[in-house]
PDB file of N, CA and C in Angstrom:
ATOM      1  N   UNK A   1     100.614  77.929  91.716  1.00  0.00           N
ATOM      2  CA  UNK A   1      99.766  79.263  92.105  1.00  0.00           C
ATOM      3  C   UNK A   1      98.758  78.645  93.159  1.00  0.00           C
ATOM      4  N   UNK A   2      98.533  79.515  94.173  1.00  0.00           N
ATOM      5  CA  UNK A   2      97.460  78.863  95.114  1.00  0.00           C
ATOM      6  C   UNK A   2      96.083  78.967  94.517  1.00  0.00           C
ATOM      7  N   UNK A   3      95.213  78.156  95.028  1.00  0.00           N
ATOM      8  CA  UNK A   3      93.852  78.244  94.567  1.00  0.00           C
ATOM      9  C   UNK A   3      92.852  79.038  95.508  1.00  0.00           C
ATOM     10  N   UNK A   4      93.409  79.373  96.814  1.00  0.00           N
ATOM     11  CA  UNK A   4      92.493  79.876  97.826  1.00  0.00           C
ATOM     12  C   UNK A   4      93.529  80.619  98.723  1.00  0.00           C
ATOM     13  N   UNK A   5      93.035  81.632  99.450  1.00  0.00           N
ATOM     14  CA  UNK A   5      93.660  82.193 100.692  1.00  0.00           C
ATOM     15  C   UNK A   5      92.860  82.060 101.868  1.00  0.00           C
ATOM     16  N   UNK A   6      93.573  81.475 102.876  1.00  0.00           N
ATOM     17  CA  UNK A   6      92.917  81.103 104.154  1.00  0.00           C
ATOM     18  C   UNK A   6      93.405  82.169 105.148  1.00  0.00           C
ATOM     19  N   UNK A   7      92.530  82.666 105.762  1.00  0.00           N
ATOM     20  CA  UNK A   7      92.757  83.873 106.796  1.00  0.00           C
ATOM     21  C   UNK A   7      92.322  83.426 108.145  1.00  0.00           C
ATOM     22  N   UNK A   8      93.422  83.305 108.889  1.00  0.00           N
ATOM     23  CA  UNK A   8      93.202  82.755 110.275  1.00  0.00           C
ATOM     24  C   UNK A   8      93.271  83.798 111.411  1.00  0.00           C
ATOM     25  N   UNK A   9      92.787  83.492 112.492  1.00  0.00           N
ATOM     26  CA  UNK A   9      92.534  84.439 113.518  1.00  0.00           C
ATOM     27  C   UNK A   9      92.946  83.643 114.872  1.00  0.00           C
ATOM     28  N   UNK A  10      93.940  84.079 115.667  1.00  0.00           N
ATOM     29  CA  UNK A  10      94.337  83.456 116.797  1.00  0.00           C
ATOM     30  C   UNK A  10      93.368  83.801 117.947  1.00  0.00           C
ATOM     31  N   UNK A  11      92.661  82.649 118.593  1.00  0.00           N
ATOM     32  CA  UNK A  11      91.830  82.682 119.754  1.00  0.00           C
ATOM     33  C   UNK A  11      92.368  82.023 120.877  1.00  0.00           C
ATOM     34  N   UNK A  12      91.685  81.996 121.931  1.00  0.00           N
ATOM     35  CA  UNK A  12      92.061  81.298 123.248  1.00  0.00           C
ATOM     36  C   UNK A  12      92.442  79.741 122.859  1.00  0.00           C
ATOM     37  N   UNK A  13      91.607  79.155 122.034  1.00  0.00           N
ATOM     38  CA  UNK A  13      91.845  77.640 121.692  1.00  0.00           C
ATOM     39  C   UNK A  13      92.676  77.596 120.463  1.00  0.00           C
ATOM     40  N   UNK A  14      93.437  78.482 119.943  1.00  0.00           N
ATOM     41  CA  UNK A  14      94.539  78.305 118.948  1.00  0.00           C
ATOM     42  C   UNK A  14      93.956  79.046 117.607  1.00  0.00           C
ATOM     43  N   UNK A  15      94.360  78.562 116.544  1.00  0.00           N
ATOM     44  CA  UNK A  15      94.012  79.366 115.122  1.00  0.00           C
ATOM     45  C   UNK A  15      92.582  78.849 114.764  1.00  0.00           C
ATOM     46  N   UNK A  16      91.886  79.910 114.387  1.00  0.00           N
ATOM     47  CA  UNK A  16      90.424  79.542 113.761  1.00  0.00           C
ATOM     48  C   UNK A  16      90.529  80.159 112.296  1.00  0.00           C
ATOM     49  N   UNK A  17      89.809  79.518 111.490  1.00  0.00           N
ATOM     50  CA  UNK A  17      89.696  80.073 110.091  1.00  0.00           C
ATOM     51  C   UNK A  17      88.764  81.091 110.265  1.00  0.00           C
ATOM     52  N   UNK A  18      88.976  82.401 109.680  1.00  0.00           N
ATOM     53  CA  UNK A  18      88.043  83.413 109.770  1.00  0.00           C
ATOM     54  C   UNK A  18      87.378  83.557 108.395  1.00  0.00           C
ATOM     55  N   UNK A  19      88.036  83.366 107.278  1.00  0.00           N
ATOM     56  CA  UNK A  19      87.775  83.218 106.006  1.00  0.00           C
ATOM     57  C   UNK A  19      88.413  82.470 105.058  1.00  0.00           C
ATOM     58  N   UNK A  20      87.952  81.956 103.862  1.00  0.00           N
ATOM     59  CA  UNK A  20      88.452  81.440 102.863  1.00  0.00           C
ATOM     60  C   UNK A  20      88.089  81.982 101.666  1.00  0.00           C
ATOM     61  N   UNK A  21      89.032  82.490 100.954  1.00  0.00           N
ATOM     62  CA  UNK A  21      88.847  83.334  99.556  1.00  0.00           C
ATOM     63  C   UNK A  21      89.351  82.523  98.509  1.00  0.00           C
ATOM     64  N   UNK A  22      88.528  82.363  97.459  1.00  0.00           N
ATOM     65  CA  UNK A  22      89.182  81.784  96.184  1.00  0.00           C
ATOM     66  C   UNK A  22      90.157  82.806  95.480  1.00  0.00           C
ATOM     67  N   UNK A  23      91.325  82.165  94.948  1.00  0.00           N
ATOM     68  CA  UNK A  23      92.159  82.930  94.374  1.00  0.00           C
ATOM     69  C   UNK A  23      91.746  83.227  92.720  1.00  0.00           C
ATOM     70  N   UNK A  24      91.777  84.515  92.395  1.00  0.00           N
ATOM     71  CA  UNK A  24      91.626  84.809  90.959  1.00  0.00           C
ATOM     72  C   UNK A  24      92.609  84.160  89.882  1.00  0.00           C
ATOM     73  N   UNK A  25      92.152  84.269  88.702  1.00  0.00           N
ATOM     74  CA  UNK A  25      93.255  83.686  87.690  1.00  0.00           C
ATOM     75  C   UNK A  25      94.626  84.026  87.862  1.00  0.00           C
ATOM     76  N   UNK A  26      94.867  85.345  88.174  1.00  0.00           N
ATOM     77  CA  UNK A  26      96.137  85.772  88.427  1.00  0.00           C
ATOM     78  C   UNK A  26      96.717  85.514  89.651  1.00  0.00           C
ATOM     79  N   UNK A  27      96.123  84.748  90.638  1.00  0.00           N
ATOM     80  CA  UNK A  27      96.610  84.452  91.840  1.00  0.00           C
ATOM     81  C   UNK A  27      96.392  85.267  92.971  1.00  0.00           C
ATOM     82  N   UNK A  28      95.670  86.511  92.535  1.00  0.00           N
ATOM     83  CA  UNK A  28      95.243  87.500  93.612  1.00  0.00           C
ATOM     84  C   UNK A  28      93.975  87.338  94.176  1.00  0.00           C
ATOM     85  N   UNK A  29      93.484  87.964  95.174  1.00  0.00           N
ATOM     86  CA  UNK A  29      92.267  87.664  95.639  1.00  0.00           C
ATOM     87  C   UNK A  29      91.446  89.028  95.634  1.00  0.00           C
ATOM     88  N   UNK A  30      90.119  88.814  95.826  1.00  0.00           N
ATOM     89  CA  UNK A  30      89.127  89.996  95.720  1.00  0.00           C
ATOM     90  C   UNK A  30      88.928  90.436  97.191  1.00  0.00           C
ATOM     91  N   UNK A  31      89.582  91.615  97.630  1.00  0.00           N
ATOM     92  CA  UNK A  31      89.559  91.901  98.984  1.00  0.00           C
ATOM     93  C   UNK A  31      88.231  92.303  99.621  1.00  0.00           C
ATOM     94  N   UNK A  32      87.339  92.671  98.490  1.00  0.00           N
ATOM     95  CA  UNK A  32      86.191  93.108  99.020  1.00  0.00           C
ATOM     96  C   UNK A  32      85.392  92.045  99.663  1.00  0.00           C
ATOM     97  N   UNK A  33      85.820  90.779  99.658  1.00  0.00           N
ATOM     98  CA  UNK A  33      85.216  89.482 100.232  1.00  0.00           C
ATOM     99  C   UNK A  33      85.766  89.430 101.645  1.00  0.00           C
ATOM    100  N   UNK A  34      86.810  90.015 102.193  1.00  0.00           N
ATOM    101  CA  UNK A  34      87.309  90.003 103.299  1.00  0.00           C
ATOM    102  C   UNK A  34      86.286  90.405 104.506  1.00  0.00           C
ATOM    103  N   UNK A  35      86.290  89.767 105.622  1.00  0.00           N
ATOM    104  CA  UNK A  35      85.320  90.120 106.784  1.00  0.00           C
ATOM    105  C   UNK A  35      85.772  91.453 107.303  1.00  0.00           C
ATOM    106  N   UNK A  36      84.741  92.016 107.872  1.00  0.00           N
ATOM    107  CA  UNK A  36      84.901  93.517 108.525  1.00  0.00           C
ATOM    108  C   UNK A  36      85.545  93.348 109.949  1.00  0.00           C
ATOM    109  N   UNK A  37      86.381  94.101 110.345  1.00  0.00           N
ATOM    110  CA  UNK A  37      86.942  94.286 111.746  1.00  0.00           C
ATOM    111  C   UNK A  37      85.803  94.365 112.608  1.00  0.00           C
ATOM    112  N   UNK A  38      85.830  93.737 113.738  1.00  0.00           N
ATOM    113  CA  UNK A  38      84.709  93.793 114.694  1.00  0.00           C
ATOM    114  C   UNK A  38      83.574  92.836 114.700  1.00  0.00           C
ATOM    115  N   UNK A  39      83.415  92.047 113.554  1.00  0.00           N
ATOM    116  CA  UNK A  39      82.490  91.275 113.416  1.00  0.00           C
ATOM    117  C   UNK A  39      82.940  89.865 113.959  1.00  0.00           C
ATOM    118  N   UNK A  40      82.173  89.027 114.247  1.00  0.00           N
ATOM    119  CA  UNK A  40      82.552  87.773 114.851  1.00  0.00           C
ATOM    120  C   UNK A  40      83.390  86.885 113.783  1.00  0.00           C
ATOM    121  N   UNK A  41      84.603  86.482 114.298  1.00  0.00           N
ATOM    122  CA  UNK A  41      85.557  85.768 113.318  1.00  0.00           C
ATOM    123  C   UNK A  41      85.939  86.716 112.276  1.00  0.00           C
ATOM    124  N   UNK A  42      86.020  87.934 112.406  1.00  0.00           N
ATOM    125  CA  UNK A  42      86.561  89.029 111.290  1.00  0.00           C
ATOM    126  C   UNK A  42      88.048  88.896 111.442  1.00  0.00           C
ATOM    127  N   UNK A  43      88.479  89.937 110.392  1.00  0.00           N
ATOM    128  CA  UNK A  43      89.862  90.173 110.100  1.00  0.00           C
ATOM    129  C   UNK A  43      90.537  90.843 111.505  1.00  0.00           C
ATOM    130  N   UNK A  44      91.718  90.845 111.515  1.00  0.00           N
ATOM    131  CA  UNK A  44      92.554  91.259 112.824  1.00  0.00           C
ATOM    132  C   UNK A  44      92.687  92.822 112.553  1.00  0.00           C
ATOM    133  N   UNK A  45      93.034  93.118 111.246  1.00  0.00           N
ATOM    134  CA  UNK A  45      93.335  94.594 110.961  1.00  0.00           C
ATOM    135  C   UNK A  45      92.623  95.141 109.710  1.00  0.00           C
ATOM    136  N   UNK A  46      92.092  96.133 109.736  1.00  0.00           N
ATOM    137  CA  UNK A  46      91.428  96.994 108.642  1.00  0.00           C
ATOM    138  C   UNK A  46      91.983  98.161 108.450  1.00  0.00           C
ATOM    139  N   UNK A  47      91.990  98.649 107.269  1.00  0.00           N
ATOM    140  CA  UNK A  47      92.672  99.841 106.808  1.00  0.00           C
ATOM    141  C   UNK A  47      91.968 100.700 105.685  1.00  0.00           C
ATOM    142  N   UNK A  48      91.756 101.945 105.946  1.00  0.00           N
ATOM    143  CA  UNK A  48      90.977 102.635 104.900  1.00  0.00           C
ATOM    144  C   UNK A  48      91.504 104.023 104.739  1.00  0.00           C
ATOM    145  N   UNK A  49      90.726 104.829 103.962  1.00  0.00           N
ATOM    146  CA  UNK A  49      90.854 106.352 103.763  1.00  0.00           C
ATOM    147  C   UNK A  49      89.801 107.056 103.363  1.00  0.00           C
ATOM    148  N   UNK A  50      89.803 108.208 103.652  1.00  0.00           N
ATOM    149  CA  UNK A  50      88.857 109.178 102.811  1.00  0.00           C
ATOM    150  C   UNK A  50      89.637 110.528 102.733  1.00  0.00           C
ATOM    151  N   UNK A  51      88.741 111.655 102.374  1.00  0.00           N
ATOM    152  CA  UNK A  51      89.299 112.933 101.871  1.00  0.00           C
ATOM    153  C   UNK A  51      90.198 113.628 103.171  1.00  0.00           C
ATOM    154  N   UNK A  52      89.886 113.015 104.480  1.00  0.00           N
ATOM    155  CA  UNK A  52      90.604 113.493 105.623  1.00  0.00           C
ATOM    156  C   UNK A  52      91.807 112.980 105.983  1.00  0.00           C
ATOM    157  N   UNK A  53      92.207 111.906 105.424  1.00  0.00           N
ATOM    158  CA  UNK A  53      93.369 111.023 105.709  1.00  0.00           C
ATOM    159  C   UNK A  53      93.151 109.539 105.655  1.00  0.00           C
ATOM    160  N   UNK A  54      94.057 108.840 106.444  1.00  0.00           N
ATOM    161  CA  UNK A  54      93.981 107.335 106.354  1.00  0.00           C
ATOM    162  C   UNK A  54      93.742 106.824 107.812  1.00  0.00           C
ATOM    163  N   UNK A  55      93.403 105.684 108.158  1.00  0.00           N
ATOM    164  CA  UNK A  55      93.147 104.975 109.252  1.00  0.00           C
ATOM    165  C   UNK A  55      93.577 103.497 109.126  1.00  0.00           C
ATOM    166  N   UNK A  56      93.963 102.956 110.304  1.00  0.00           N
ATOM    167  CA  UNK A  56      94.175 101.600 110.687  1.00  0.00           C
ATOM    168  C   UNK A  56      93.301 101.252 111.956  1.00  0.00           C
ATOM    169  N   UNK A  57      92.576 100.088 111.680  1.00  0.00           N
ATOM    170  CA  UNK A  57      91.747  99.732 113.017  1.00  0.00           C
ATOM    171  C   UNK A  57      92.092  98.195 113.242  1.00  0.00           C
ATOM    172  N   UNK A  58      92.373  97.942 114.711  1.00  0.00           N
ATOM    173  CA  UNK A  58      92.655  96.707 115.028  1.00  0.00           C
ATOM    174  C   UNK A  58      91.331  95.949 115.697  1.00  0.00           C
ATOM    175  N   UNK A  59      91.444  94.728 115.743  1.00  0.00           N
ATOM    176  CA  UNK A  59      90.179  94.076 116.109  1.00  0.00           C
ATOM    177  C   UNK A  59      89.888  94.349 117.543  1.00  0.00           C
ATOM    178  N   UNK A  60      90.770  94.987 118.373  1.00  0.00           N
ATOM    179  CA  UNK A  60      90.376  95.299 119.720  1.00  0.00           C
ATOM    180  C   UNK A  60      89.759  96.690 119.826  1.00  0.00           C
ATOM    181  N   UNK A  61      89.615  97.272 118.859  1.00  0.00           N
ATOM    182  CA  UNK A  61      88.956  98.569 118.742  1.00  0.00           C
ATOM    183  C   UNK A  61      89.910  99.700 118.544  1.00  0.00           C
ATOM    184  N   UNK A  62      91.379  99.487 118.900  1.00  0.00           N
ATOM    185  CA  UNK A  62      92.178 100.452 118.503  1.00  0.00           C
ATOM    186  C   UNK A  62      92.306 101.081 117.230  1.00  0.00           C
ATOM    187  N   UNK A  63      92.290 102.367 117.183  1.00  0.00           N
ATOM    188  CA  UNK A  63      92.412 102.843 115.813  1.00  0.00           C
ATOM    189  C   UNK A  63      93.376 104.086 115.796  1.00  0.00           C
ATOM    190  N   UNK A  64      94.214 103.954 114.666  1.00  0.00           N
ATOM    191  CA  UNK A  64      95.145 105.081 114.412  1.00  0.00           C
ATOM    192  C   UNK A  64      94.646 105.720 113.221  1.00  0.00           C
ATOM    193  N   UNK A  65      94.666 107.217 113.342  1.00  0.00           N
ATOM    194  CA  UNK A  65      94.414 108.044 112.250  1.00  0.00           C
ATOM    195  C   UNK A  65      95.568 108.865 111.958  1.00  0.00           C
ATOM    196  N   UNK A  66      95.735 109.098 110.487  1.00  0.00           N
ATOM    197  CA  UNK A  66      96.869 110.148 110.191  1.00  0.00           C
ATOM    198  C   UNK A  66      96.589 110.697 108.887  1.00  0.00           C
ATOM    199  N   UNK A  67      97.089 111.883 108.817  1.00  0.00           N
ATOM    200  CA  UNK A  67      96.947 112.733 107.578  1.00  0.00           C
ATOM    201  C   UNK A  67      97.909 113.857 107.574  1.00  0.00           C
ATOM    202  N   UNK A  68      97.792 114.696 106.514  1.00  0.00           N
ATOM    203  CA  UNK A  68      98.456 115.952 106.677  1.00  0.00           C
ATOM    204  C   UNK A  68      97.695 117.149 106.885  1.00  0.00           C
ATOM    205  N   UNK A  69      97.962 118.062 107.511  1.00  0.00           N
ATOM    206  CA  UNK A  69      97.288 119.284 108.022  1.00  0.00           C
ATOM    207  C   UNK A  69      98.131 120.595 107.634  1.00  0.00           C
ATOM    208  N   UNK A  70      97.708 121.274 106.741  1.00  0.00           N
ATOM    209  CA  UNK A  70      98.549 122.643 106.492  1.00  0.00           C
ATOM    210  C   UNK A  70      97.823 123.785 106.902  1.00  0.00           C
ATOM    211  N   UNK A  71      98.578 124.641 107.757  1.00  0.00           N
ATOM    212  CA  UNK A  71      97.924 125.751 108.173  1.00  0.00           C
ATOM    213  C   UNK A  71      99.060 127.148 108.119  1.00  0.00           C
ATOM    214  N   UNK A  72      98.434 128.122 107.792  1.00  0.00           N
ATOM    215  CA  UNK A  72      99.249 129.100 107.694  1.00  0.00           C
ATOM    216  C   UNK A  72      98.984 129.920 109.150  1.00  0.00           C
ATOM    217  N   UNK A  73      99.875 130.136 109.753  1.00  0.00           N
ATOM    218  CA  UNK A  73      99.678 130.671 111.215  1.00  0.00           C
ATOM    219  C   UNK A  73      99.973 132.145 110.875  1.00  0.00           C
ATOM    220  N   UNK A  74      99.225 132.936 111.750  1.00  0.00           N
ATOM    221  CA  UNK A  74      99.351 134.361 111.705  1.00  0.00           C
ATOM    222  C   UNK A  74     100.273 134.857 112.825  1.00  0.00           C
ATOM    223  N   UNK A  75     101.348 135.265 112.275  1.00  0.00           N
ATOM    224  CA  UNK A  75     102.675 135.566 113.234  1.00  0.00           C
ATOM    225  C   UNK A  75     102.395 136.691 114.354  1.00  0.00           C
ATOM    226  N   UNK A  76     101.389 137.470 114.252  1.00  0.00           N
ATOM    227  CA  UNK A  76     101.027 138.501 115.302  1.00  0.00           C
ATOM    228  C   UNK A  76     100.196 137.851 116.445  1.00  0.00           C
ATOM    229  N   UNK A  77      99.489 136.488 116.116  1.00  0.00           N
ATOM    230  CA  UNK A  77      98.751 136.013 117.140  1.00  0.00           C
ATOM    231  C   UNK A  77      99.197 134.586 117.549  1.00  0.00           C
ATOM    232  N   UNK A  78      99.914 134.608 118.630  1.00  0.00           N
ATOM    233  CA  UNK A  78     100.508 133.306 118.890  1.00  0.00           C
ATOM    234  C   UNK A  78      99.576 132.252 119.462  1.00  0.00           C
ATOM    235  N   UNK A  79      98.493 132.521 119.727  1.00  0.00           N
ATOM    236  CA  UNK A  79      97.454 131.536 120.212  1.00  0.00           C
ATOM    237  C   UNK A  79      96.394 131.481 118.949  1.00  0.00           C
ATOM    238  N   UNK A  80      96.353 130.453 118.289  1.00  0.00           N
ATOM    239  CA  UNK A  80      95.236 130.238 117.283  1.00  0.00           C
ATOM    240  C   UNK A  80      94.583 129.005 117.526  1.00  0.00           C
ATOM    241  N   UNK A  81      93.258 128.880 117.196  1.00  0.00           N
ATOM    242  CA  UNK A  81      92.432 127.833 117.217  1.00  0.00           C
ATOM    243  C   UNK A  81      92.392 127.027 115.836  1.00  0.00           C
ATOM    244  N   UNK A  82      92.575 125.693 115.832  1.00  0.00           N
ATOM    245  CA  UNK A  82      92.338 124.950 114.656  1.00  0.00           C
ATOM    246  C   UNK A  82      91.561 123.840 115.000  1.00  0.00           C
ATOM    247  N   UNK A  83      90.811 123.255 113.809  1.00  0.00           N
ATOM    248  CA  UNK A  83      89.822 122.169 113.786  1.00  0.00           C
ATOM    249  C   UNK A  83      90.506 121.142 112.884  1.00  0.00           C
ATOM    250  N   UNK A  84      90.577 119.862 113.298  1.00  0.00           N
ATOM    251  CA  UNK A  84      91.035 118.828 112.551  1.00  0.00           C
ATOM    252  C   UNK A  84      89.909 117.725 112.705  1.00  0.00           C
ATOM    253  N   UNK A  85      89.468 117.398 111.446  1.00  0.00           N
ATOM    254  CA  UNK A  85      88.550 116.279 111.357  1.00  0.00           C
ATOM    255  C   UNK A  85      89.212 115.077 110.920  1.00  0.00           C
ATOM    256  N   UNK A  86      89.073 113.973 111.795  1.00  0.00           N
ATOM    257  CA  UNK A  86      89.780 112.769 111.596  1.00  0.00           C
ATOM    258  C   UNK A  86      89.062 111.833 110.663  1.00  0.00           C
ATOM    259  N   UNK A  87      89.778 110.924 109.988  1.00  0.00           N
ATOM    260  CA  UNK A  87      89.281 110.360 108.841  1.00  0.00           C
ATOM    261  C   UNK A  87      88.280 109.412 108.964  1.00  0.00           C
ATOM    262  N   UNK A  88      88.093 108.733 110.276  1.00  0.00           N
ATOM    263  CA  UNK A  88      87.098 107.534 110.318  1.00  0.00           C
ATOM    264  C   UNK A  88      86.050 107.856 111.067  1.00  0.00           C
TER     265      UNK A  88
END
């Protein structure tokens, strides 16, 4: 069973260690100790969710949000305005 997880990030000069996390007794790690995307030497991908849906954020700032939106359209009015709140 591994004693630690080494998180590496690829840079111009090769792979660099971004974080080393000790493994817990069951072989899992405490993900709350992972670095935050966007910080120096941080993780490459972050993922999260809230009441509005879920999101994935990459190190370069690209973010993809997704969720489900249910709307009951009025069949007598073909143009309707809707507002969507993104999750992040």
